[in-house]
Amino acid sequence: MTDKSKNFFTALDIGTSKICAIIAEKTENNKLKIIGFSETESEGVSEGMIQNLIKATAKIKEVVLKASEMANLKIKFVNVGIAGKHIRSFSTHHSIGLQNNENEPIEINQSHVKKLEQRSKMAVIPTNHKIIHSMPQKYTIDEDHESVDPIGEFGKKLEADFHIISANKVDIKIMEESIRRSDIICRNLILEPIASSIALLDENDKEDGICLVDIGGGTTDISIFHDNIIRHTAVIPLGGDIVTQDIKEGLGLPRNHAEALKIKFGKALYVKRPVKEFVKIKGEGQREDKKISLDNLYKIIEARMEEIFDKVHQEILNSGMSEKLSAGIVITGGGSQLLNLKQQVKYITGLDVRKGFPNSYLTKSEIVNLEFPKYSTSVGLLLWEFANENKQPENNFKTASSLPRVNNFGKLVTERIKGFLKDDDLTEFKDESL
């Protein structure tokens, strides 16, 4: 069976730490049921970008084949996420004349809006970049009337501001070639923070103002919404893998042990306790066992996570939205699972923080449970086409007036958190073994 039917949706998440393929079928109650899934440890991918075409392609082929066999469905098209430090975003302005031969205002229709969108995609960008998303921020009619939806209104001139996202042509070409060699076709190339927002945020969140932070293996992806418009996007080339690398180097451990320590004992905050806490690492081969201070582990993790969220905070300030985020911050992705991370983020940014879990639109599946933060992007990629089918594409975000930039506010340093942590938030491990 092939995926020609409109009832099937597919996603391919090519990440630094994992690569996974998902196939879903639309149910009668307009939800998605997972019918095929495969996940493997990533190879050939660094900081969200394919670095080794051969290694990455082998892993992509593996997950696509296994998911296809599970679903008894031959995958032809996939929705694919893109991230990495090469991503750029900026604003642009475009206008078109509307008057007829009598120089009278005319009714604005869909073709006029589409013409503006097409012009936005011809914006001047770096020669080595390609536009992957163009999203309207506001419309203006006859230079003085702002409109949420100009279709049906009258005017002689229509203007619009757009949020443009571009990616490096070479990185796009490498990704598309890897997918082509896997005998599939990229149907939609989607910025990962936009994909995650589809899986996690509802209309109230986006209306009130919210910042979504997805901490993946190689990158931390940011998307900011207000008045139901995507206002700012950014990709920070730091994620969970750099934390593991810090632990590996700081404690002199093999990478697999460093990752296991992070997952089992990791905390985003160091709080000095009267009793020293240690964990015993069993030596591999002829190596001796090693005793690791958990205090040292916490200090290493805290330092790196503070750096990452200092950068997140700066992106929030740069967006001009820092005082417009009534719904606060949602953290998701595999890196969001560290203990005390919500407290650290709250006191760095001054905003309310919660964890995000991708559970909307998915029915319970016997195949796999995707309601974990590490699958937020994967589920969002799956929902992208589903949302488009239901007339909610990127360019159908509601538009509104742009908002004034606010002044920077001072950083609240991590040290202030210590006295506010509850004992419930702290888990002690004494002389435990890994």
Protein backbone atom coordinates (compact mmCIF):
# COMPACT_ATOMS: atom_id res chain seq x y z
CA MET A 1 0.00 0.00 0.00
CA THR A 2 1.25 3.53 -0.76
CA ASP A 3 0.68 6.85 1.00
CA LYS A 4 -1.40 8.42 -1.80
CA SER A 5 -4.46 8.69 0.41
CA LYS A 6 -5.09 12.04 2.10
CA ASN A 7 -5.80 10.08 5.27
CA PHE A 8 -2.10 9.36 5.87
CA PHE A 9 0.51 11.75 7.24
CA THR A 10 4.25 11.19 7.59
CA ALA A 11 7.09 12.93 9.42
CA LEU A 12 10.86 12.57 9.47
CA ASP A 13 12.72 14.14 12.40
CA ILE A 14 16.46 14.33 11.66
CA GLY A 15 18.01 15.39 14.95
CA THR A 16 21.45 15.45 16.50
CA SER A 17 20.61 12.80 19.09
CA LYS A 18 17.90 10.81 17.30
CA ILE A 19 16.33 10.22 13.90
CA CYS A 20 12.74 9.01 13.80
CA ALA A 21 10.01 8.39 11.25
CA ILE A 22 6.30 8.48 12.07
CA ILE A 23 3.28 7.46 10.01
CA ALA A 24 -0.24 8.34 11.13
CA GLU A 25 -3.74 7.79 9.83
CA LYS A 26 -6.59 10.26 10.25
CA THR A 27 -9.46 8.79 12.26
CA GLU A 28 -13.19 9.41 11.88
CA ASN A 29 -13.15 11.88 14.79
CA ASN A 30 -10.47 13.97 13.03
CA LYS A 31 -7.54 12.84 15.14
CA LEU A 32 -4.35 11.02 14.21
CA LYS A 33 -3.56 7.42 15.05
CA ILE A 34 0.06 6.29 14.88
CA ILE A 35 0.36 3.23 12.64
CA GLY A 36 4.10 3.24 12.00
CA PHE A 37 7.09 4.38 14.06
CA SER A 38 10.83 3.86 14.17
CA GLU A 39 13.60 5.62 16.07
CA THR A 40 17.37 5.20 16.09
CA GLU A 41 20.40 6.96 17.51
CA SER A 42 21.53 9.65 15.11
CA GLU A 43 24.77 9.54 13.15
CA GLY A 44 26.27 12.10 10.80
CA VAL A 45 24.27 15.00 12.29
CA SER A 46 25.75 17.82 14.38
CA GLU A 47 24.06 20.95 15.74
CA GLY A 48 20.93 20.05 13.80
CA MET A 49 22.70 19.82 10.42
CA ILE A 50 23.77 16.81 8.36
CA GLN A 51 27.58 16.67 8.35
CA ASN A 52 28.10 13.16 6.97
CA LEU A 53 25.75 12.35 4.11
CA ILE A 54 26.50 8.62 4.03
CA LYS A 55 26.02 8.01 7.77
CA ALA A 56 22.88 10.14 8.03
CA THR A 57 21.33 8.54 4.94
CA ALA A 58 21.89 5.05 6.33
CA LYS A 59 20.02 5.97 9.51
CA ILE A 60 17.20 7.67 7.58
CA LYS A 61 16.77 4.60 5.39
CA GLU A 62 16.65 2.41 8.50
CA VAL A 63 13.84 4.30 10.24
CA VAL A 64 11.82 4.85 7.06
CA LEU A 65 11.94 1.15 6.20
CA LYS A 66 10.96 0.00 9.70
CA ALA A 67 8.11 2.51 10.01
CA SER A 68 6.84 1.56 6.55
CA GLU A 69 6.89 -2.15 7.36
CA MET A 70 5.07 -1.56 10.63
CA ALA A 71 2.35 0.47 8.89
CA ASN A 72 2.24 -1.77 5.82
CA LEU A 73 2.53 1.47 3.90
CA LYS A 74 5.17 2.57 1.41
CA ILE A 75 6.28 6.09 2.27
CA LYS A 76 6.66 8.42 -0.70
CA PHE A 77 6.44 11.92 0.81
CA VAL A 78 7.56 13.19 4.22
CA ASN A 79 7.43 16.39 6.24
CA VAL A 80 10.96 17.19 7.40
CA GLY A 81 12.26 19.55 10.08
CA ILE A 82 15.19 21.89 9.69
CA ALA A 83 17.25 23.71 12.33
CA GLY A 84 20.85 24.76 12.89
CA LYS A 85 22.98 27.86 13.34
CA HIS A 86 22.60 28.69 9.63
CA ILE A 87 18.93 29.66 10.11
CA ARG A 88 18.22 33.39 9.76
CA SER A 89 15.08 35.44 10.38
CA PHE A 90 14.24 39.05 9.56
CA SER A 91 11.37 41.41 8.76
CA THR A 92 10.41 42.81 5.38
CA HIS A 93 7.76 45.17 4.00
CA HIS A 94 5.90 44.99 0.68
CA SER A 95 3.03 46.83 -1.03
CA ILE A 96 0.87 46.62 -4.16
CA GLY A 97 -1.47 49.07 -5.90
CA LEU A 98 -5.17 48.18 -6.09
CA GLN A 99 -7.06 50.95 -7.88
CA ASN A 100 -8.90 50.33 -11.15
CA ASN A 101 -8.79 52.40 -14.35
CA GLU A 102 -10.98 55.09 -12.76
CA ASN A 103 -8.48 55.36 -9.86
CA GLU A 104 -11.17 54.15 -7.46
CA PRO A 105 -10.63 51.75 -4.55
CA ILE A 106 -11.40 48.11 -5.27
CA GLU A 107 -12.37 45.13 -3.17
CA ILE A 108 -9.39 43.20 -1.81
CA ASN A 109 -9.48 39.49 -2.56
CA GLN A 110 -7.34 36.41 -1.99
CA SER A 111 -5.29 37.01 -5.14
CA HIS A 112 -4.10 40.38 -3.80
CA VAL A 113 -3.00 38.82 -0.51
CA LYS A 114 -1.27 36.02 -2.37
CA LYS A 115 0.53 38.51 -4.61
CA LEU A 116 1.95 40.21 -1.52
CA GLU A 117 3.06 36.86 -0.13
CA GLN A 118 4.81 36.06 -3.41
CA ARG A 119 6.62 39.38 -3.30
CA SER A 120 7.77 38.68 0.24
CA LYS A 121 9.46 35.53 -1.01
CA MET A 122 11.55 37.67 -3.37
CA ALA A 123 12.99 39.66 -0.47
CA VAL A 124 16.71 40.40 -0.52
CA ILE A 125 18.47 37.72 1.52
CA PRO A 126 22.05 36.41 1.62
CA THR A 127 22.93 34.90 -1.78
CA ASN A 128 23.69 31.53 -0.17
CA HIS A 129 20.27 31.37 1.53
CA LYS A 130 16.78 30.27 0.53
CA ILE A 131 13.49 31.42 2.08
CA ILE A 132 11.66 28.55 3.79
CA HIS A 133 8.86 30.49 5.54
CA SER A 134 7.16 33.84 4.96
CA MET A 135 4.59 34.84 7.58
CA PRO A 136 2.47 38.03 7.56
CA GLN A 137 2.67 40.22 10.65
CA LYS A 138 0.17 42.96 9.74
CA TYR A 139 -1.71 44.43 6.75
CA THR A 140 -2.23 48.14 6.09
CA ILE A 141 -4.79 49.59 3.65
CA ASP A 142 -4.21 53.02 2.09
CA GLU A 143 -1.38 53.72 4.55
CA ASP A 144 -3.64 54.47 7.53
CA HIS A 145 -5.95 51.51 8.19
CA GLU A 146 -4.56 48.33 9.76
CA SER A 147 -6.49 45.13 9.22
CA VAL A 148 -6.48 41.65 10.70
CA ASP A 149 -7.90 40.19 7.50
CA PRO A 150 -8.05 42.60 4.54
CA ILE A 151 -10.06 40.32 2.25
CA GLY A 152 -13.44 41.95 1.54
CA GLU A 153 -12.27 45.46 2.44
CA PHE A 154 -11.72 48.28 -0.09
CA GLY A 155 -8.65 50.32 -0.88
CA LYS A 156 -6.19 51.65 -3.42
CA LYS A 157 -3.05 50.27 -1.79
CA LEU A 158 -2.32 47.16 0.27
CA GLU A 159 0.81 46.78 2.39
CA ALA A 160 2.10 44.02 4.66
CA ASP A 161 4.98 43.28 7.00
CA PHE A 162 6.37 39.75 6.90
CA HIS A 163 8.52 37.61 9.18
CA ILE A 164 10.95 35.83 6.86
CA ILE A 165 12.93 32.70 7.74
CA SER A 166 15.76 31.51 5.53
CA ALA A 167 18.22 28.62 5.56
CA ASN A 168 21.57 27.94 3.94
CA LYS A 169 21.12 26.51 0.43
CA VAL A 170 23.94 23.99 0.89
CA ASP A 171 22.44 22.62 4.12
CA ILE A 172 19.04 22.34 2.43
CA LYS A 173 20.58 20.60 -0.57
CA ILE A 174 22.45 18.10 1.63
CA MET A 175 19.28 17.29 3.56
CA GLU A 176 17.22 16.88 0.40
CA GLU A 177 19.91 14.67 -1.15
CA SER A 178 19.99 12.46 1.94
CA ILE A 179 16.20 12.11 1.76
CA ARG A 180 16.32 11.43 -2.00
CA ARG A 181 18.88 8.66 -1.48
CA SER A 182 16.43 7.15 1.01
CA ASP A 183 13.87 6.81 -1.83
CA ILE A 184 11.48 9.41 -0.42
CA ILE A 185 10.59 13.00 -1.30
CA CYS A 186 10.54 16.01 1.02
CA ARG A 187 7.00 17.40 0.77
CA ASN A 188 7.42 20.22 3.30
CA LEU A 189 10.59 21.61 4.87
CA ILE A 190 9.57 23.09 8.22
CA LEU A 191 11.52 25.10 10.77
CA GLU A 192 11.61 22.93 13.87
CA PRO A 193 10.45 25.54 16.42
CA ILE A 194 7.39 26.18 14.24
CA ALA A 195 6.70 22.44 14.13
CA SER A 196 6.99 22.16 17.91
CA SER A 197 4.57 25.06 18.38
CA ILE A 198 1.90 23.19 16.40
CA ALA A 199 2.23 20.21 18.73
CA LEU A 200 2.24 22.16 21.99
CA LEU A 201 0.53 25.54 21.86
CA ASP A 202 -3.18 26.26 21.71
CA GLU A 203 -4.88 29.40 20.43
CA ASN A 204 -5.09 30.97 23.90
CA ASP A 205 -1.34 30.54 24.42
CA LYS A 206 -0.52 32.21 21.11
CA GLU A 207 -3.11 34.94 21.65
CA ASP A 208 -1.90 35.87 25.15
CA GLY A 209 1.80 35.76 24.30
CA ILE A 210 4.13 32.82 24.81
CA CYS A 211 7.71 31.72 24.21
CA LEU A 212 8.33 28.10 23.27
CA VAL A 213 11.82 26.74 23.98
CA ASP A 214 12.63 23.30 22.55
CA ILE A 215 15.91 21.92 23.92
CA GLY A 216 17.10 19.26 21.50
CA GLY A 217 20.35 17.39 21.27
CA GLY A 218 22.23 19.87 19.07
CA THR A 219 20.13 23.04 19.17
CA THR A 220 17.74 25.00 21.35
CA ASP A 221 14.88 26.30 19.20
CA ILE A 222 12.81 29.35 20.08
CA SER A 223 9.47 30.61 18.77
CA ILE A 224 7.58 33.57 20.22
CA PHE A 225 3.88 34.27 19.64
CA HIS A 226 1.60 37.18 20.50
CA ASP A 227 -1.89 38.05 19.23
CA ASN A 228 -1.78 34.63 17.56
CA ILE A 229 1.09 35.75 15.32
CA ILE A 230 4.54 34.21 15.27
CA ARG A 231 6.67 37.23 16.17
CA HIS A 232 10.19 35.85 16.51
CA THR A 233 12.14 32.68 15.82
CA ALA A 234 15.70 31.71 16.65
CA VAL A 235 17.96 28.67 16.77
CA ILE A 236 20.74 28.52 19.37
CA PRO A 237 23.46 25.98 18.42
CA LEU A 238 23.62 24.50 21.93
CA GLY A 239 21.56 21.64 23.34
CA GLY A 240 21.62 18.53 25.48
CA ASP A 241 24.63 17.03 23.71
CA ILE A 242 26.94 19.86 24.81
CA VAL A 243 25.85 19.22 28.41
CA THR A 244 26.82 15.56 28.02
CA GLN A 245 30.16 16.63 26.52
CA ASP A 246 30.79 18.95 29.49
CA ILE A 247 30.15 16.08 31.91
CA LYS A 248 32.41 13.78 29.90
CA GLU A 249 35.30 16.24 29.96
CA GLY A 250 34.70 17.68 33.42
CA LEU A 251 34.45 14.34 35.20
CA GLY A 252 36.73 12.31 32.92
CA LEU A 253 34.10 9.76 31.90
CA PRO A 254 33.23 7.83 28.73
CA ARG A 255 30.43 9.55 26.82
CA ASN A 256 27.89 6.78 27.49
CA HIS A 257 28.42 7.12 31.25
CA ALA A 258 28.22 10.92 31.04
CA GLU A 259 24.86 10.67 29.24
CA ALA A 260 23.56 8.11 31.75
CA LEU A 261 24.60 10.35 34.67
CA LYS A 262 22.81 13.31 33.13
CA ILE A 263 19.60 11.37 32.60
CA LYS A 264 19.50 9.64 35.99
CA PHE A 265 20.87 12.31 38.33
CA GLY A 266 20.90 15.55 36.32
CA LYS A 267 19.77 18.81 37.92
CA ALA A 268 19.85 22.29 36.46
CA LEU A 269 20.73 23.81 39.84
CA TYR A 270 23.45 23.18 42.38
CA VAL A 271 22.28 23.51 45.98
CA LYS A 272 24.93 22.80 48.60
CA ARG A 273 23.83 20.11 51.05
CA PRO A 274 25.36 19.15 54.41
CA VAL A 275 25.77 15.54 53.28
CA LYS A 276 28.09 14.83 50.37
CA GLU A 277 26.48 12.78 47.60
CA PHE A 278 28.38 10.37 45.37
CA VAL A 279 27.66 7.89 42.63
CA LYS A 280 29.87 4.95 41.75
CA ILE A 281 30.72 4.43 38.08
CA LYS A 282 31.64 0.86 37.24
CA GLY A 283 34.88 0.67 35.30
CA GLU A 284 34.81 -0.74 31.78
CA GLY A 285 37.20 -3.54 30.89
CA GLN A 286 40.21 -3.31 33.21
CA ARG A 287 39.44 0.21 34.38
CA GLU A 288 38.85 0.76 38.08
CA ASP A 289 35.51 1.89 39.45
CA LYS A 290 35.19 5.65 39.81
CA LYS A 291 33.47 7.67 42.52
CA ILE A 292 31.79 10.81 41.22
CA SER A 293 30.66 13.76 43.35
CA LEU A 294 27.10 14.69 42.45
CA ASP A 295 27.86 18.24 43.58
CA ASN A 296 30.38 18.48 40.75
CA LEU A 297 27.85 17.02 38.31
CA TYR A 298 25.23 19.60 39.30
CA LYS A 299 27.71 22.49 38.96
CA ILE A 300 28.67 21.41 35.44
CA ILE A 301 25.05 21.07 34.30
CA GLU A 302 23.97 24.33 35.95
CA ALA A 303 26.73 26.34 34.26
CA ARG A 304 25.85 25.15 30.76
CA MET A 305 22.07 25.44 31.19
CA GLU A 306 22.50 28.95 32.57
CA GLU A 307 24.48 29.86 29.44
CA ILE A 308 21.78 28.43 27.18
CA PHE A 309 18.97 30.29 28.94
CA ASP A 310 20.95 33.52 29.09
CA LYS A 311 20.92 33.29 25.29
CA VAL A 312 17.21 32.43 25.29
CA HIS A 313 16.55 35.44 27.52
CA GLN A 314 18.49 37.67 25.14
CA GLU A 315 16.40 36.43 22.21
CA ILE A 316 13.24 37.28 24.16
CA LEU A 317 14.57 40.79 24.77
CA ASN A 318 15.61 41.16 21.12
CA SER A 319 12.10 40.20 20.01
CA GLY A 320 10.55 43.17 21.81
CA MET A 321 8.02 40.78 23.36
CA SER A 322 9.42 40.39 26.89
CA GLU A 323 6.51 42.29 28.49
CA LYS A 324 3.90 40.71 26.22
CA LEU A 325 4.31 37.06 27.23
CA SER A 326 1.35 36.62 29.58
CA ALA A 327 1.40 32.84 29.06
CA GLY A 328 5.09 32.70 29.95
CA ILE A 329 7.53 30.12 28.66
CA VAL A 330 6.96 26.50 27.65
CA ILE A 331 10.06 24.30 27.76
CA THR A 332 10.11 21.03 25.87
CA GLY A 333 12.49 18.65 24.11
CA GLY A 334 14.70 15.99 25.67
CA GLY A 335 16.80 18.60 27.47
CA SER A 336 13.78 19.93 29.37
CA GLN A 337 13.68 16.88 31.62
CA LEU A 338 16.42 18.07 33.99
CA LEU A 339 15.24 18.51 37.57
CA ASN A 340 14.79 22.14 38.74
CA LEU A 341 15.05 23.50 35.19
CA LYS A 342 11.72 25.30 35.48
CA GLN A 343 12.98 27.17 38.55
CA GLN A 344 16.23 28.11 36.86
CA VAL A 345 14.46 29.44 33.76
CA LYS A 346 11.91 31.38 35.82
CA TYR A 347 14.57 33.26 37.75
CA ILE A 348 16.72 33.95 34.70
CA THR A 349 13.83 35.32 32.65
CA GLY A 350 11.33 36.46 35.29
CA LEU A 351 8.56 34.61 33.44
CA ASP A 352 6.26 31.75 34.40
CA VAL A 353 7.50 28.41 33.09
CA ARG A 354 5.85 25.08 32.38
CA LYS A 355 6.80 21.89 30.56
CA GLY A 356 5.14 21.07 27.26
CA PHE A 357 3.92 17.61 26.25
CA PRO A 358 2.68 16.79 22.72
CA ASN A 359 -0.70 15.15 23.22
CA SER A 360 -3.25 17.11 21.16
CA TYR A 361 -4.78 15.48 18.08
CA LEU A 362 -3.23 12.08 18.84
CA THR A 363 -5.28 9.06 19.84
CA LYS A 364 -3.82 6.46 22.17
CA SER A 365 -1.55 4.12 20.28
CA GLU A 366 -0.47 0.59 21.08
CA ILE A 367 2.62 1.10 18.92
CA VAL A 368 4.34 3.98 20.72
CA ASN A 369 3.63 6.69 23.28
CA LEU A 370 4.74 10.03 21.84
CA GLU A 371 3.51 12.13 24.77
CA PHE A 372 7.03 12.98 25.88
CA PRO A 373 8.84 16.32 25.42
CA LYS A 374 11.57 14.77 23.27
CA TYR A 375 8.94 14.04 20.58
CA SER A 376 7.48 17.57 20.40
CA THR A 377 9.17 18.40 17.10
CA SER A 378 8.44 14.96 15.66
CA VAL A 379 4.72 15.26 16.42
CA GLY A 380 4.66 18.84 15.16
CA LEU A 381 6.09 17.75 11.81
CA LEU A 382 3.36 15.14 11.62
CA LEU A 383 0.66 17.70 12.44
CA TRP A 384 1.94 20.29 9.95
CA GLU A 385 0.25 18.76 6.95
CA PHE A 386 -2.76 17.79 9.06
CA ALA A 387 -3.11 21.45 10.11
CA ASN A 388 -2.69 22.64 6.52
CA GLU A 389 -5.44 20.26 5.41
CA ASN A 390 -7.65 21.89 8.03
CA LYS A 391 -6.77 25.36 6.68
CA GLN A 392 -4.30 26.34 9.37
CA PRO A 393 -1.05 26.78 7.46
CA GLU A 394 1.79 29.09 8.48
CA ASN A 395 0.37 31.96 6.43
CA ASN A 396 -3.03 31.54 8.07
CA PHE A 397 -1.84 32.72 11.49
CA LYS A 398 -4.05 35.65 12.45
CA THR A 399 -2.34 38.98 11.84
CA ALA A 400 -2.40 42.12 13.95
CA SER A 401 -0.52 45.35 14.50
CA SER A 402 3.15 45.12 15.33
CA LEU A 403 3.97 45.96 18.92
CA PRO A 404 6.49 48.48 20.28
CA ARG A 405 9.86 47.25 21.47
CA VAL A 406 10.31 47.26 25.25
CA ASN A 407 13.41 48.19 27.18
CA ASN A 408 15.72 45.48 28.45
CA PHE A 409 15.26 44.45 32.05
CA GLY A 410 18.09 43.25 34.25
CA LYS A 411 19.05 39.61 34.54
CA LEU A 412 18.01 37.78 37.70
CA VAL A 413 20.98 35.55 38.40
CA THR A 414 20.70 31.87 39.18
CA GLU A 415 22.11 32.30 42.71
CA ARG A 416 18.83 33.92 43.78
CA ILE A 417 17.01 30.64 43.20
CA LYS A 418 18.65 28.72 46.00
CA GLY A 419 16.50 30.06 48.83
CA PHE A 420 13.25 29.52 46.94
CA LEU A 421 13.56 25.82 46.17
CA LYS A 422 11.27 23.51 48.08
CA ASP A 423 12.61 20.33 49.62
CA ASP A 424 10.17 18.43 47.39
CA ASP A 425 12.15 19.57 44.38
CA LEU A 426 15.38 18.03 45.64
CA THR A 427 16.17 14.33 45.34
CA GLU A 428 19.10 12.94 47.32
CA PHE A 429 21.31 10.13 46.08
CA LYS A 430 23.94 8.81 48.48
CA ASP A 431 26.56 6.30 47.37
CA GLU A 432 24.39 5.14 44.47
CA SER A 433 25.77 3.15 41.58
CA LEU A 434 25.25 3.79 37.89
